[in-house]
All heavy atoms as atom14 arrays in JSON, in Angstrom:
{
  "sequence": "KLRGFLAQPSSWPSVEAMTRVFHCFHTPVTEYVVQHWQED",
  "atom14_mask": [
    [1, 1, 1, 1, 1, 1, 1, 1, 1, 0, 0, 0, 0, 0],
    [1, 1, 1, 1, 1, 1, 1, 1, 0, 0, 0, 0, 0, 0],
    [1, 1, 1, 1, 1, 1, 1, 1, 1, 1, 1, 0, 0, 0],
    [1, 1, 1, 1, 0, 0, 0, 0, 0, 0, 0, 0, 0, 0],
    [1, 1, 1, 1, 1, 1, 1, 1, 1, 1, 1, 0, 0, 0],
    [1, 1, 1, 1, 1, 1, 1, 1, 0, 0, 0, 0, 0, 0],
    [1, 1, 1, 1, 1, 0, 0, 0, 0, 0, 0, 0, 0, 0],
    [1, 1, 1, 1, 1, 1, 1, 1, 1, 0, 0, 0, 0, 0],
    [1, 1, 1, 1, 1, 1, 1, 0, 0, 0, 0, 0, 0, 0],
    [1, 1, 1, 1, 1, 1, 0, 0, 0, 0, 0, 0, 0, 0],
    [1, 1, 1, 1, 1, 1, 0, 0, 0, 0, 0, 0, 0, 0],
    [1, 1, 1, 1, 1, 1, 1, 1, 1, 1, 1, 1, 1, 1],
    [1, 1, 1, 1, 1, 1, 1, 0, 0, 0, 0, 0, 0, 0],
    [1, 1, 1, 1, 1, 1, 0, 0, 0, 0, 0, 0, 0, 0],
    [1, 1, 1, 1, 1, 1, 1, 0, 0, 0, 0, 0, 0, 0],
    [1, 1, 1, 1, 1, 1, 1, 1, 1, 0, 0, 0, 0, 0],
    [1, 1, 1, 1, 1, 0, 0, 0, 0, 0, 0, 0, 0, 0],
    [1, 1, 1, 1, 1, 1, 1, 1, 0, 0, 0, 0, 0, 0],
    [1, 1, 1, 1, 1, 1, 1, 0, 0, 0, 0, 0, 0, 0],
    [1, 1, 1, 1, 1, 1, 1, 1, 1, 1, 1, 0, 0, 0],
    [1, 1, 1, 1, 1, 1, 1, 0, 0, 0, 0, 0, 0, 0],
    [1, 1, 1, 1, 1, 1, 1, 1, 1, 1, 1, 0, 0, 0],
    [1, 1, 1, 1, 1, 1, 1, 1, 1, 1, 0, 0, 0, 0],
    [1, 1, 1, 1, 1, 1, 0, 0, 0, 0, 0, 0, 0, 0],
    [1, 1, 1, 1, 1, 1, 1, 1, 1, 1, 1, 0, 0, 0],
    [1, 1, 1, 1, 1, 1, 1, 1, 1, 1, 0, 0, 0, 0],
    [1, 1, 1, 1, 1, 1, 1, 0, 0, 0, 0, 0, 0, 0],
    [1, 1, 1, 1, 1, 1, 1, 0, 0, 0, 0, 0, 0, 0],
    [1, 1, 1, 1, 1, 1, 1, 0, 0, 0, 0, 0, 0, 0],
    [1, 1, 1, 1, 1, 1, 1, 0, 0, 0, 0, 0, 0, 0],
    [1, 1, 1, 1, 1, 1, 1, 1, 1, 0, 0, 0, 0, 0],
    [1, 1, 1, 1, 1, 1, 1, 1, 1, 1, 1, 1, 0, 0],
    [1, 1, 1, 1, 1, 1, 1, 0, 0, 0, 0, 0, 0, 0],
    [1, 1, 1, 1, 1, 1, 1, 0, 0, 0, 0, 0, 0, 0],
    [1, 1, 1, 1, 1, 1, 1, 1, 1, 0, 0, 0, 0, 0],
    [1, 1, 1, 1, 1, 1, 1, 1, 1, 1, 0, 0, 0, 0],
    [1, 1, 1, 1, 1, 1, 1, 1, 1, 1, 1, 1, 1, 1],
    [1, 1, 1, 1, 1, 1, 1, 1, 1, 0, 0, 0, 0, 0],
    [1, 1, 1, 1, 1, 1, 1, 1, 1, 0, 0, 0, 0, 0],
    [1, 1, 1, 1, 1, 1, 1, 1, 0, 0, 0, 0, 0, 0]
  ],
  "atom14_positions": [
    [[17.04, 48.49, 43.54], [16.23, 49.61, 43.36], [15.2, 49.35, 42.27], [14.0, 49.71, 42.41], [17.1, 50.81, 42.94], [16.42, 52.16, 43.05], [17.37, 53.22, 42.84], [18.21, 53.54, 43.99], [19.03, 54.67, 44.02], [0.0, 0.0, 0.0], [0.0, 0.0, 0.0], [0.0, 0.0, 0.0], [0.0, 0.0, 0.0], [0.0, 0.0, 0.0]],
    [[15.57, 48.74, 41.24], [14.73, 48.37, 40.13], [13.65, 47.37, 40.56], [12.48, 47.46, 40.03], [15.48, 47.83, 38.88], [16.37, 48.82, 38.16], [17.19, 48.15, 37.13], [15.55, 49.95, 37.63], [0.0, 0.0, 0.0], [0.0, 0.0, 0.0], [0.0, 0.0, 0.0], [0.0, 0.0, 0.0], [0.0, 0.0, 0.0], [0.0, 0.0, 0.0]],
    [[13.97, 46.49, 41.45], [12.97, 45.51, 41.88], [12.09, 46.06, 43.1], [11.26, 45.28, 43.56], [13.71, 44.27, 42.34], [14.29, 43.5, 41.23], [15.15, 42.33, 41.79], [15.58, 41.54, 40.67], [15.35, 40.29, 40.51], [14.53, 39.66, 41.36], [15.82, 39.58, 39.51], [0.0, 0.0, 0.0], [0.0, 0.0, 0.0], [0.0, 0.0, 0.0]],
    [[12.39, 47.24, 43.54], [11.59, 47.84, 44.58], [11.88, 47.42, 45.96], [11.15, 47.57, 46.84], [0.0, 0.0, 0.0], [0.0, 0.0, 0.0], [0.0, 0.0, 0.0], [0.0, 0.0, 0.0], [0.0, 0.0, 0.0], [0.0, 0.0, 0.0], [0.0, 0.0, 0.0], [0.0, 0.0, 0.0], [0.0, 0.0, 0.0], [0.0, 0.0, 0.0]],
    [[13.03, 46.82, 46.17], [13.38, 46.27, 47.44], [14.08, 47.31, 48.38], [14.17, 47.09, 49.62], [14.26, 45.02, 47.37], [13.56, 43.84, 46.88], [13.65, 43.42, 45.58], [12.61, 43.13, 47.73], [12.89, 42.31, 45.15], [11.96, 42.08, 47.31], [12.13, 41.59, 45.99], [0.0, 0.0, 0.0], [0.0, 0.0, 0.0], [0.0, 0.0, 0.0]],
    [[14.59, 48.4, 47.88], [15.18, 49.36, 48.73], [14.18, 50.17, 49.52], [14.48, 50.74, 50.57], [16.13, 50.32, 47.95], [17.36, 49.63, 47.35], [18.22, 50.78, 46.7], [18.23, 49.06, 48.52], [0.0, 0.0, 0.0], [0.0, 0.0, 0.0], [0.0, 0.0, 0.0], [0.0, 0.0, 0.0], [0.0, 0.0, 0.0], [0.0, 0.0, 0.0]],
    [[12.98, 50.26, 49.03], [11.93, 51.02, 49.7], [11.15, 50.13, 50.65], [10.12, 50.51, 51.23], [10.99, 51.59, 48.74], [0.0, 0.0, 0.0], [0.0, 0.0, 0.0], [0.0, 0.0, 0.0], [0.0, 0.0, 0.0], [0.0, 0.0, 0.0], [0.0, 0.0, 0.0], [0.0, 0.0, 0.0], [0.0, 0.0, 0.0], [0.0, 0.0, 0.0]],
    [[11.53, 48.9, 50.87], [10.89, 47.93, 51.72], [10.93, 48.51, 53.22], [11.95, 48.77, 53.76], [11.6, 46.58, 51.78], [10.87, 45.5, 52.48], [11.5, 44.16, 52.26], [12.29, 43.96, 51.35], [11.26, 43.21, 53.1], [0.0, 0.0, 0.0], [0.0, 0.0, 0.0], [0.0, 0.0, 0.0], [0.0, 0.0, 0.0], [0.0, 0.0, 0.0]],
    [[9.68, 48.65, 53.78], [9.66, 49.23, 55.15], [10.11, 48.33, 56.32], [10.21, 48.8, 57.4], [8.21, 49.64, 55.31], [7.48, 48.61, 54.45], [8.43, 48.29, 53.33], [0.0, 0.0, 0.0], [0.0, 0.0, 0.0], [0.0, 0.0, 0.0], [0.0, 0.0, 0.0], [0.0, 0.0, 0.0], [0.0, 0.0, 0.0], [0.0, 0.0, 0.0]],
    [[10.24, 47.05, 56.02], [10.54, 46.15, 57.17], [11.72, 45.35, 56.9], [12.37, 45.42, 55.82], [9.3, 45.11, 57.32], [9.17, 44.37, 56.24], [0.0, 0.0, 0.0], [0.0, 0.0, 0.0], [0.0, 0.0, 0.0], [0.0, 0.0, 0.0], [0.0, 0.0, 0.0], [0.0, 0.0, 0.0], [0.0, 0.0, 0.0], [0.0, 0.0, 0.0]],
    [[12.2, 44.57, 57.91], [13.37, 43.64, 57.73], [13.12, 42.6, 56.75], [11.99, 42.27, 56.41], [13.81, 43.13, 59.07], [14.04, 44.08, 60.03], [0.0, 0.0, 0.0], [0.0, 0.0, 0.0], [0.0, 0.0, 0.0], [0.0, 0.0, 0.0], [0.0, 0.0, 0.0], [0.0, 0.0, 0.0], [0.0, 0.0, 0.0], [0.0, 0.0, 0.0]],
    [[14.18, 42.0, 56.24], [14.14, 40.85, 55.38], [13.48, 39.74, 56.12], [13.89, 39.43, 57.27], [15.45, 40.48, 54.86], [16.1, 41.55, 53.98], [17.21, 42.37, 54.35], [15.85, 41.8, 52.62], [17.44, 43.21, 53.31], [16.69, 42.8, 52.23], [14.98, 41.26, 51.67], [16.71, 43.39, 50.98], [14.99, 41.8, 50.5], [15.8, 42.82, 50.05]],
    [[12.53, 38.99, 55.52], [11.98, 37.92, 56.3], [12.89, 36.68, 56.45], [12.8, 35.89, 57.38], [10.72, 37.49, 55.46], [11.0, 38.12, 54.07], [11.93, 39.28, 54.28], [0.0, 0.0, 0.0], [0.0, 0.0, 0.0], [0.0, 0.0, 0.0], [0.0, 0.0, 0.0], [0.0, 0.0, 0.0], [0.0, 0.0, 0.0], [0.0, 0.0, 0.0]],
    [[13.79, 36.52, 55.5], [14.71, 35.4, 55.48], [15.91, 35.68, 54.56], [15.87, 36.57, 53.8], [14.02, 34.13, 55.04], [13.69, 34.23, 53.67], [0.0, 0.0, 0.0], [0.0, 0.0, 0.0], [0.0, 0.0, 0.0], [0.0, 0.0, 0.0], [0.0, 0.0, 0.0], [0.0, 0.0, 0.0], [0.0, 0.0, 0.0], [0.0, 0.0, 0.0]],
    [[16.97, 34.83, 54.66], [18.07, 34.93, 53.79], [17.64, 34.53, 52.38], [18.19, 35.12, 51.37], [19.21, 34.03, 54.29], [20.3, 33.85, 53.24], [19.8, 34.54, 55.51], [0.0, 0.0, 0.0], [0.0, 0.0, 0.0], [0.0, 0.0, 0.0], [0.0, 0.0, 0.0], [0.0, 0.0, 0.0], [0.0, 0.0, 0.0], [0.0, 0.0, 0.0]],
    [[16.67, 33.62, 52.27], [16.22, 33.22, 50.99], [15.53, 34.4, 50.25], [15.8, 34.55, 48.95], [15.15, 32.13, 51.06], [15.75, 30.78, 51.4], [16.03, 30.64, 52.84], [15.48, 31.42, 53.72], [16.82, 29.75, 53.33], [0.0, 0.0, 0.0], [0.0, 0.0, 0.0], [0.0, 0.0, 0.0], [0.0, 0.0, 0.0], [0.0, 0.0, 0.0]],
    [[14.99, 35.26, 50.86], [14.35, 36.47, 50.28], [15.42, 37.41, 49.72], [15.25, 37.94, 48.57], [13.51, 37.23, 51.24], [0.0, 0.0, 0.0], [0.0, 0.0, 0.0], [0.0, 0.0, 0.0], [0.0, 0.0, 0.0], [0.0, 0.0, 0.0], [0.0, 0.0, 0.0], [0.0, 0.0, 0.0], [0.0, 0.0, 0.0], [0.0, 0.0, 0.0]],
    [[16.51, 37.47, 50.43], [17.61, 38.24, 49.89], [18.3, 37.65, 48.7], [18.64, 38.32, 47.83], [18.69, 38.49, 51.03], [18.22, 39.37, 52.12], [19.25, 39.61, 53.5], [20.83, 39.17, 53.15], [0.0, 0.0, 0.0], [0.0, 0.0, 0.0], [0.0, 0.0, 0.0], [0.0, 0.0, 0.0], [0.0, 0.0, 0.0], [0.0, 0.0, 0.0]],
    [[18.39, 36.34, 48.63], [18.92, 35.64, 47.48], [18.07, 35.87, 46.24], [18.6, 35.9, 45.14], [19.18, 34.14, 47.67], [17.95, 33.54, 48.05], [20.11, 33.89, 48.83], [0.0, 0.0, 0.0], [0.0, 0.0, 0.0], [0.0, 0.0, 0.0], [0.0, 0.0, 0.0], [0.0, 0.0, 0.0], [0.0, 0.0, 0.0], [0.0, 0.0, 0.0]],
    [[16.8, 35.97, 46.41], [15.9, 36.21, 45.27], [16.16, 37.6, 44.71], [16.02, 37.82, 43.49], [14.41, 36.08, 45.67], [14.03, 34.56, 45.83], [12.55, 34.46, 45.84], [11.86, 35.22, 46.93], [11.76, 34.71, 48.16], [12.16, 33.48, 48.47], [11.12, 35.41, 49.12], [0.0, 0.0, 0.0], [0.0, 0.0, 0.0], [0.0, 0.0, 0.0]],
    [[16.52, 38.54, 45.59], [16.79, 39.92, 45.1], [18.11, 39.98, 44.41], [18.24, 40.54, 43.3], [16.8, 40.91, 46.31], [17.19, 42.28, 45.83], [15.44, 40.94, 46.91], [0.0, 0.0, 0.0], [0.0, 0.0, 0.0], [0.0, 0.0, 0.0], [0.0, 0.0, 0.0], [0.0, 0.0, 0.0], [0.0, 0.0, 0.0], [0.0, 0.0, 0.0]],
    [[19.15, 39.42, 44.98], [20.46, 39.44, 44.42], [20.86, 38.12, 43.69], [21.91, 37.59, 43.91], [21.51, 39.82, 45.56], [21.16, 40.97, 46.23], [20.76, 41.02, 47.61], [21.28, 42.22, 45.67], [20.42, 42.14, 48.25], [20.94, 43.46, 46.36], [20.5, 43.35, 47.67], [0.0, 0.0, 0.0], [0.0, 0.0, 0.0], [0.0, 0.0, 0.0]],
    [[19.95, 37.76, 42.78], [20.17, 36.4, 42.19], [21.43, 36.37, 41.25], [21.88, 35.3, 40.91], [18.91, 35.94, 41.45], [18.5, 36.8, 40.35], [19.04, 36.66, 39.01], [17.64, 37.82, 40.19], [18.46, 37.58, 38.28], [17.7, 38.32, 39.02], [0.0, 0.0, 0.0], [0.0, 0.0, 0.0], [0.0, 0.0, 0.0], [0.0, 0.0, 0.0]],
    [[21.85, 37.54, 40.69], [22.96, 37.44, 39.8], [24.36, 37.48, 40.5], [25.36, 37.49, 39.9], [22.86, 38.55, 38.8], [22.97, 40.21, 39.47], [0.0, 0.0, 0.0], [0.0, 0.0, 0.0], [0.0, 0.0, 0.0], [0.0, 0.0, 0.0], [0.0, 0.0, 0.0], [0.0, 0.0, 0.0], [0.0, 0.0, 0.0], [0.0, 0.0, 0.0]],
    [[24.4, 37.48, 41.82], [25.56, 37.47, 42.61], [25.89, 36.27, 43.36], [26.24, 36.3, 44.49], [25.63, 38.75, 43.51], [25.67, 40.05, 42.74], [24.48, 40.79, 42.62], [26.78, 40.51, 42.2], [24.44, 41.9, 41.93], [26.82, 41.72, 41.4], [25.57, 42.43, 41.3], [0.0, 0.0, 0.0], [0.0, 0.0, 0.0], [0.0, 0.0, 0.0]],
    [[25.68, 35.13, 42.78], [25.85, 33.87, 43.45], [27.33, 33.42, 43.32], [27.89, 33.43, 42.27], [24.94, 32.83, 43.01], [23.51, 32.95, 43.38], [23.04, 32.65, 44.62], [22.47, 33.47, 42.73], [21.81, 32.94, 44.7], [21.46, 33.45, 43.58], [0.0, 0.0, 0.0], [0.0, 0.0, 0.0], [0.0, 0.0, 0.0], [0.0, 0.0, 0.0]],
    [[27.91, 33.08, 44.43], [29.28, 32.51, 44.56], [29.2, 31.32, 45.44], [28.24, 31.08, 46.16], [30.31, 33.54, 45.08], [29.94, 33.79, 46.47], [30.28, 34.81, 44.32], [0.0, 0.0, 0.0], [0.0, 0.0, 0.0], [0.0, 0.0, 0.0], [0.0, 0.0, 0.0], [0.0, 0.0, 0.0], [0.0, 0.0, 0.0], [0.0, 0.0, 0.0]],
    [[30.24, 30.48, 45.48], [30.3, 29.42, 46.44], [30.09, 29.85, 47.86], [29.49, 29.2, 48.65], [31.66, 28.75, 46.17], [32.0, 29.07, 44.78], [31.39, 30.42, 44.54], [0.0, 0.0, 0.0], [0.0, 0.0, 0.0], [0.0, 0.0, 0.0], [0.0, 0.0, 0.0], [0.0, 0.0, 0.0], [0.0, 0.0, 0.0], [0.0, 0.0, 0.0]],
    [[30.6, 30.97, 48.17], [30.5, 31.53, 49.55], [29.08, 31.9, 49.82], [28.57, 31.56, 50.95], [31.5, 32.7, 49.69], [31.29, 33.37, 51.11], [32.94, 32.27, 49.55], [0.0, 0.0, 0.0], [0.0, 0.0, 0.0], [0.0, 0.0, 0.0], [0.0, 0.0, 0.0], [0.0, 0.0, 0.0], [0.0, 0.0, 0.0], [0.0, 0.0, 0.0]],
    [[28.44, 32.62, 48.9], [27.06, 33.01, 49.22], [26.13, 31.77, 49.29], [25.19, 31.7, 50.11], [26.47, 34.01, 48.15], [26.55, 33.39, 46.86], [27.28, 35.26, 48.23], [0.0, 0.0, 0.0], [0.0, 0.0, 0.0], [0.0, 0.0, 0.0], [0.0, 0.0, 0.0], [0.0, 0.0, 0.0], [0.0, 0.0, 0.0], [0.0, 0.0, 0.0]],
    [[26.38, 30.79, 48.53], [25.62, 29.52, 48.51], [25.79, 28.89, 49.84], [24.81, 28.4, 50.53], [26.01, 28.59, 47.4], [25.6, 29.07, 46.04], [24.17, 29.24, 45.82], [23.35, 28.48, 46.35], [23.76, 30.23, 45.18], [0.0, 0.0, 0.0], [0.0, 0.0, 0.0], [0.0, 0.0, 0.0], [0.0, 0.0, 0.0], [0.0, 0.0, 0.0]],
    [[27.0, 28.85, 50.42], [27.3, 28.22, 51.68], [26.55, 28.96, 52.81], [26.03, 28.32, 53.73], [28.82, 28.16, 51.95], [29.23, 27.47, 53.25], [29.31, 26.07, 53.27], [29.34, 28.19, 54.39], [29.61, 25.41, 54.48], [29.59, 27.55, 55.52], [29.8, 26.17, 55.61], [30.08, 25.53, 56.72], [0.0, 0.0, 0.0], [0.0, 0.0, 0.0]],
    [[26.64, 30.29, 52.72], [26.01, 31.1, 53.74], [24.46, 30.8, 53.78], [23.9, 30.72, 54.81], [26.29, 32.57, 53.57], [25.37, 33.47, 54.48], [27.75, 32.86, 53.84], [0.0, 0.0, 0.0], [0.0, 0.0, 0.0], [0.0, 0.0, 0.0], [0.0, 0.0, 0.0], [0.0, 0.0, 0.0], [0.0, 0.0, 0.0], [0.0, 0.0, 0.0]],
    [[23.85, 30.8, 52.59], [22.44, 30.51, 52.5], [22.06, 29.19, 53.1], [20.98, 29.08, 53.79], [22.0, 30.61, 51.06], [20.58, 30.09, 50.86], [22.01, 32.08, 50.55], [0.0, 0.0, 0.0], [0.0, 0.0, 0.0], [0.0, 0.0, 0.0], [0.0, 0.0, 0.0], [0.0, 0.0, 0.0], [0.0, 0.0, 0.0], [0.0, 0.0, 0.0]],
    [[22.92, 28.17, 52.88], [22.62, 26.81, 53.36], [22.8, 26.73, 54.88], [22.23, 25.95, 55.55], [23.47, 25.81, 52.69], [23.18, 25.59, 51.24], [24.13, 24.74, 50.48], [25.07, 24.19, 51.1], [23.92, 24.67, 49.17], [0.0, 0.0, 0.0], [0.0, 0.0, 0.0], [0.0, 0.0, 0.0], [0.0, 0.0, 0.0], [0.0, 0.0, 0.0]],
    [[23.78, 27.47, 55.42], [24.28, 27.23, 56.83], [23.93, 28.36, 57.79], [24.38, 28.41, 58.97], [25.73, 26.94, 56.93], [26.01, 25.65, 56.09], [25.85, 24.39, 56.61], [26.58, 25.52, 54.9], [26.28, 23.56, 55.63], [26.73, 24.22, 54.64], [0.0, 0.0, 0.0], [0.0, 0.0, 0.0], [0.0, 0.0, 0.0], [0.0, 0.0, 0.0]],
    [[23.3, 29.42, 57.35], [23.1, 30.66, 58.2], [22.42, 30.39, 59.5], [22.63, 31.15, 60.49], [22.5, 31.79, 57.4], [21.11, 31.67, 57.16], [20.47, 30.93, 56.18], [20.05, 32.28, 57.87], [19.11, 31.07, 56.22], [18.78, 31.9, 57.25], [19.97, 33.15, 58.96], [17.61, 32.3, 57.74], [18.77, 33.6, 59.44], [17.58, 33.22, 58.79]],
    [[21.58, 29.46, 59.58], [20.83, 29.18, 60.86], [21.48, 28.23, 61.78], [20.96, 27.98, 62.91], [19.42, 28.71, 60.51], [18.5, 29.79, 59.87], [17.12, 29.29, 59.73], [16.87, 28.23, 59.26], [16.15, 30.14, 60.14], [0.0, 0.0, 0.0], [0.0, 0.0, 0.0], [0.0, 0.0, 0.0], [0.0, 0.0, 0.0], [0.0, 0.0, 0.0]],
    [[22.66, 27.7, 61.46], [23.37, 26.71, 62.33], [24.13, 27.51, 63.36], [24.78, 28.5, 63.03], [24.26, 25.91, 61.44], [23.6, 25.04, 60.48], [24.52, 24.27, 59.51], [25.65, 24.32, 59.8], [24.04, 23.62, 58.62], [0.0, 0.0, 0.0], [0.0, 0.0, 0.0], [0.0, 0.0, 0.0], [0.0, 0.0, 0.0], [0.0, 0.0, 0.0]],
    [[24.09, 26.97, 64.6], [24.73, 27.64, 65.64], [26.27, 27.82, 65.4], [26.9, 28.77, 65.71], [24.5, 26.97, 67.02], [23.09, 27.16, 67.44], [22.46, 28.14, 67.03], [22.53, 26.31, 68.24], [0.0, 0.0, 0.0], [0.0, 0.0, 0.0], [0.0, 0.0, 0.0], [0.0, 0.0, 0.0], [0.0, 0.0, 0.0], [0.0, 0.0, 0.0]]
  ]
}
């Protein structure tokens, strides 16, 4: 809310954009998801 992302009118352009918003919530699981989310 403070960064103004809740009022965004469109979808997230990428997972990387979401990681920039939630940068203080990094865990090994979130890092893995960011690296592998586009793999079948």
